[in-house]
Every structure is written in C-alpha cells, then in structure tokens.
Amino acid sequence: MKNIFTIIAVTIFCLVGLAACSSQYVISTKDGKMLTTDSKPKLDEETGMYIYDDEEGREMMIQKDDVVQIMER
C-alpha cells in the first residue's frame, strides 16, 4: 500500500514539474496589440509568418513584418 502512495506522489510531482516548464510568450505588434501564446512562436521561413498556439490552444499565424517584439513571460 505504501508503494502505491509513493508511485502516486512521484507521478503528481512529475506532472507539476512538466506544467511549470512550459512558458508563455507575449508578441507585441506594430498596431499595439499584445498577443499571449502558450508556446514559443516559430518562424516559417517559407511563408514569413510566425506560428504559435494562443491561450485557448488554437494554432494561429501572424506576419513577421507585423511583429515588433517577442518576450518570454
């Protein structure tokens, strides 16, 4: 029984650790918008667009030329 509790405790600890590893980023745009992302935006060199996941988990895109700055939160 004690072994099961140890396994559960280690599993919870690992899940909390993984959740803490993900960082949010803020993209500031030329028109003054501040876009919050759940992951680091990736630049697609072919299209010239940044691809990122928004706060609701949807994949979004924004033109590289519209971005002023990308900051880690």
N, C-alpha and C. Protein backbone atom coordinates (compact mmCIF):
# COMPACT_ATOMS: atom_id res chain seq x y z
N MET A 1 0.82 -1.19 0.00
CA MET A 1 0.00 0.00 0.00
C MET A 1 0.87 1.26 0.00
N LYS A 2 1.95 1.23 0.79
CA LYS A 2 2.85 2.37 0.85
C LYS A 2 3.51 2.61 -0.50
N ASN A 3 3.79 1.54 -1.24
CA ASN A 3 4.41 1.63 -2.55
C ASN A 3 3.50 2.35 -3.54
N ILE A 4 2.20 2.12 -3.46
CA ILE A 4 1.25 2.77 -4.36
C ILE A 4 1.23 4.28 -4.10
N PHE A 5 1.23 4.66 -2.82
CA PHE A 5 1.25 6.08 -2.48
C PHE A 5 2.53 6.76 -2.97
N THR A 6 3.63 6.07 -2.91
CA THR A 6 4.90 6.61 -3.40
C THR A 6 4.83 6.83 -4.91
N ILE A 7 4.27 5.88 -5.64
CA ILE A 7 4.14 6.00 -7.09
C ILE A 7 3.22 7.16 -7.44
N ILE A 8 2.12 7.28 -6.73
CA ILE A 8 1.19 8.39 -6.99
C ILE A 8 1.86 9.73 -6.69
N ALA A 9 2.59 9.82 -5.60
CA ALA A 9 3.27 11.07 -5.24
C ALA A 9 4.31 11.46 -6.28
N VAL A 10 5.08 10.49 -6.75
CA VAL A 10 6.09 10.77 -7.77
C VAL A 10 5.43 11.19 -9.07
N THR A 11 4.33 10.56 -9.44
CA THR A 11 3.61 10.92 -10.67
C THR A 11 3.09 12.35 -10.59
N ILE A 12 2.49 12.71 -9.47
CA ILE A 12 1.97 14.08 -9.30
C ILE A 12 3.11 15.08 -9.36
N PHE A 13 4.22 14.78 -8.71
CA PHE A 13 5.39 15.66 -8.72
C PHE A 13 5.89 15.88 -10.15
N CYS A 14 5.96 14.82 -10.95
CA CYS A 14 6.42 14.94 -12.34
C CYS A 14 5.47 15.76 -13.18
N LEU A 15 4.17 15.57 -12.99
CA LEU A 15 3.19 16.34 -13.76
C LEU A 15 3.25 17.83 -13.43
N VAL A 16 3.43 18.14 -12.16
CA VAL A 16 3.56 19.55 -11.77
C VAL A 16 4.84 20.14 -12.35
N GLY A 17 5.90 19.36 -12.33
CA GLY A 17 7.17 19.81 -12.91
C GLY A 17 7.07 20.08 -14.40
N LEU A 18 6.36 19.22 -15.12
CA LEU A 18 6.18 19.43 -16.56
C LEU A 18 5.33 20.66 -16.84
N ALA A 19 4.32 20.88 -16.05
CA ALA A 19 3.47 22.06 -16.24
C ALA A 19 4.26 23.34 -16.00
N ALA A 20 5.19 23.32 -15.10
CA ALA A 20 5.99 24.51 -14.80
C ALA A 20 7.00 24.80 -15.89
N CYS A 21 7.34 23.82 -16.70
CA CYS A 21 8.35 24.01 -17.74
C CYS A 21 7.83 24.80 -18.93
N SER A 22 6.54 24.76 -19.18
CA SER A 22 6.02 25.48 -20.34
C SER A 22 5.98 26.97 -20.04
N SER A 23 6.43 27.75 -20.97
CA SER A 23 6.49 29.20 -20.79
C SER A 23 5.51 29.88 -21.72
N GLN A 24 4.96 30.97 -21.26
CA GLN A 24 4.13 31.79 -22.11
C GLN A 24 4.99 32.89 -22.72
N TYR A 25 4.61 33.31 -23.89
CA TYR A 25 5.30 34.40 -24.58
C TYR A 25 4.27 35.46 -24.93
N VAL A 26 4.75 36.70 -25.06
CA VAL A 26 3.90 37.81 -25.47
C VAL A 26 4.47 38.38 -26.76
N ILE A 27 3.62 38.47 -27.76
CA ILE A 27 4.01 39.05 -29.05
C ILE A 27 3.42 40.46 -29.09
N SER A 28 4.27 41.46 -29.24
CA SER A 28 3.76 42.82 -29.42
C SER A 28 3.80 43.14 -30.92
N THR A 29 2.72 43.75 -31.39
CA THR A 29 2.58 44.02 -32.82
C THR A 29 2.70 45.51 -33.11
N LYS A 30 2.86 45.85 -34.37
CA LYS A 30 3.00 47.25 -34.79
C LYS A 30 1.77 48.08 -34.45
N ASP A 31 0.59 47.42 -34.45
CA ASP A 31 -0.63 48.18 -34.17
C ASP A 31 -0.96 48.23 -32.67
N GLY A 32 -0.02 47.80 -31.82
CA GLY A 32 -0.17 47.92 -30.37
C GLY A 32 -0.81 46.74 -29.67
N LYS A 33 -1.14 45.70 -30.38
CA LYS A 33 -1.74 44.53 -29.74
C LYS A 33 -0.68 43.74 -28.99
N MET A 34 -1.11 43.08 -27.91
CA MET A 34 -0.26 42.19 -27.14
C MET A 34 -0.91 40.82 -27.18
N LEU A 35 -0.28 39.88 -27.89
CA LEU A 35 -0.83 38.54 -28.06
C LEU A 35 -0.10 37.58 -27.12
N THR A 36 -0.85 36.86 -26.30
CA THR A 36 -0.25 35.89 -25.38
C THR A 36 -0.29 34.52 -26.01
N THR A 37 0.84 33.82 -25.94
CA THR A 37 0.94 32.49 -26.53
C THR A 37 1.26 31.46 -25.45
N ASP A 38 0.92 30.20 -25.72
CA ASP A 38 1.22 29.12 -24.78
C ASP A 38 2.55 28.45 -25.08
N SER A 39 3.17 28.80 -26.20
CA SER A 39 4.46 28.21 -26.56
C SER A 39 5.26 29.25 -27.34
N LYS A 40 6.54 28.98 -27.51
CA LYS A 40 7.39 29.91 -28.24
C LYS A 40 6.98 29.93 -29.71
N PRO A 41 6.71 31.11 -30.27
CA PRO A 41 6.36 31.19 -31.68
C PRO A 41 7.51 30.71 -32.57
N LYS A 42 7.16 30.00 -33.63
CA LYS A 42 8.16 29.50 -34.57
C LYS A 42 7.98 30.23 -35.89
N LEU A 43 9.10 30.66 -36.47
CA LEU A 43 9.06 31.37 -37.74
C LEU A 43 9.12 30.38 -38.89
N ASP A 44 8.14 30.45 -39.78
CA ASP A 44 8.14 29.65 -41.00
C ASP A 44 8.81 30.51 -42.07
N GLU A 45 10.04 30.17 -42.42
CA GLU A 45 10.84 30.96 -43.37
C GLU A 45 10.18 31.05 -44.74
N GLU A 46 9.49 29.99 -45.16
CA GLU A 46 8.87 29.98 -46.50
C GLU A 46 7.75 30.99 -46.63
N THR A 47 6.93 31.10 -45.58
CA THR A 47 5.77 32.00 -45.65
C THR A 47 6.04 33.35 -45.00
N GLY A 48 7.08 33.45 -44.18
CA GLY A 48 7.37 34.69 -43.47
C GLY A 48 6.39 34.96 -42.35
N MET A 49 5.83 33.88 -41.78
CA MET A 49 4.84 34.04 -40.71
C MET A 49 5.28 33.29 -39.47
N TYR A 50 4.96 33.88 -38.30
CA TYR A 50 5.16 33.20 -37.03
C TYR A 50 3.93 32.33 -36.77
N ILE A 51 4.18 31.10 -36.32
CA ILE A 51 3.10 30.18 -35.97
C ILE A 51 3.18 29.96 -34.46
N TYR A 52 2.04 30.07 -33.78
CA TYR A 52 2.00 29.91 -32.34
C TYR A 52 0.64 29.37 -31.91
N ASP A 53 0.56 28.87 -30.68
CA ASP A 53 -0.70 28.44 -30.10
C ASP A 53 -1.18 29.53 -29.16
N ASP A 54 -2.44 29.96 -29.34
CA ASP A 54 -2.97 31.01 -28.48
C ASP A 54 -3.37 30.43 -27.12
N GLU A 55 -3.94 31.25 -26.26
CA GLU A 55 -4.29 30.83 -24.90
C GLU A 55 -5.33 29.73 -24.87
N GLU A 56 -6.13 29.62 -25.93
CA GLU A 56 -7.16 28.58 -25.99
C GLU A 56 -6.69 27.34 -26.73
N GLY A 57 -5.41 27.30 -27.10
CA GLY A 57 -4.84 26.12 -27.74
C GLY A 57 -5.01 26.07 -29.25
N ARG A 58 -5.52 27.13 -29.85
CA ARG A 58 -5.70 27.16 -31.31
C ARG A 58 -4.40 27.60 -31.98
N GLU A 59 -4.09 26.99 -33.11
CA GLU A 59 -2.90 27.38 -33.87
C GLU A 59 -3.20 28.67 -34.63
N MET A 60 -2.35 29.67 -34.44
CA MET A 60 -2.53 30.97 -35.06
C MET A 60 -1.28 31.34 -35.84
N MET A 61 -1.42 32.32 -36.74
CA MET A 61 -0.29 32.79 -37.53
C MET A 61 -0.33 34.31 -37.57
N ILE A 62 0.86 34.91 -37.65
CA ILE A 62 0.96 36.36 -37.78
C ILE A 62 2.17 36.67 -38.67
N GLN A 63 2.03 37.67 -39.52
CA GLN A 63 3.12 38.06 -40.42
C GLN A 63 4.33 38.53 -39.62
N LYS A 64 5.50 38.12 -40.05
CA LYS A 64 6.75 38.52 -39.40
C LYS A 64 6.89 40.04 -39.38
N ASP A 65 6.47 40.70 -40.45
CA ASP A 65 6.60 42.15 -40.55
C ASP A 65 5.69 42.91 -39.58
N ASP A 66 4.65 42.24 -39.07
CA ASP A 66 3.73 42.88 -38.12
C ASP A 66 4.22 42.78 -36.68
N VAL A 67 5.27 41.98 -36.43
CA VAL A 67 5.75 41.74 -35.07
C VAL A 67 6.86 42.73 -34.73
N VAL A 68 6.71 43.37 -33.58
CA VAL A 68 7.72 44.30 -33.08
C VAL A 68 8.69 43.55 -32.16
N GLN A 69 8.12 42.73 -31.24
CA GLN A 69 8.93 42.06 -30.24
C GLN A 69 8.24 40.81 -29.75
N ILE A 70 9.03 39.79 -29.39
CA ILE A 70 8.53 38.59 -28.74
C ILE A 70 9.26 38.46 -27.41
N MET A 71 8.48 38.44 -26.31
CA MET A 71 9.07 38.38 -24.97
C MET A 71 8.57 37.16 -24.23
N GLU A 72 9.48 36.53 -23.46
CA GLU A 72 9.05 35.43 -22.60
C GLU A 72 8.47 36.01 -21.34
N ARG A 73 7.36 35.43 -20.91
CA ARG A 73 6.68 35.92 -19.72
C ARG A 73 7.28 35.38 -18.47
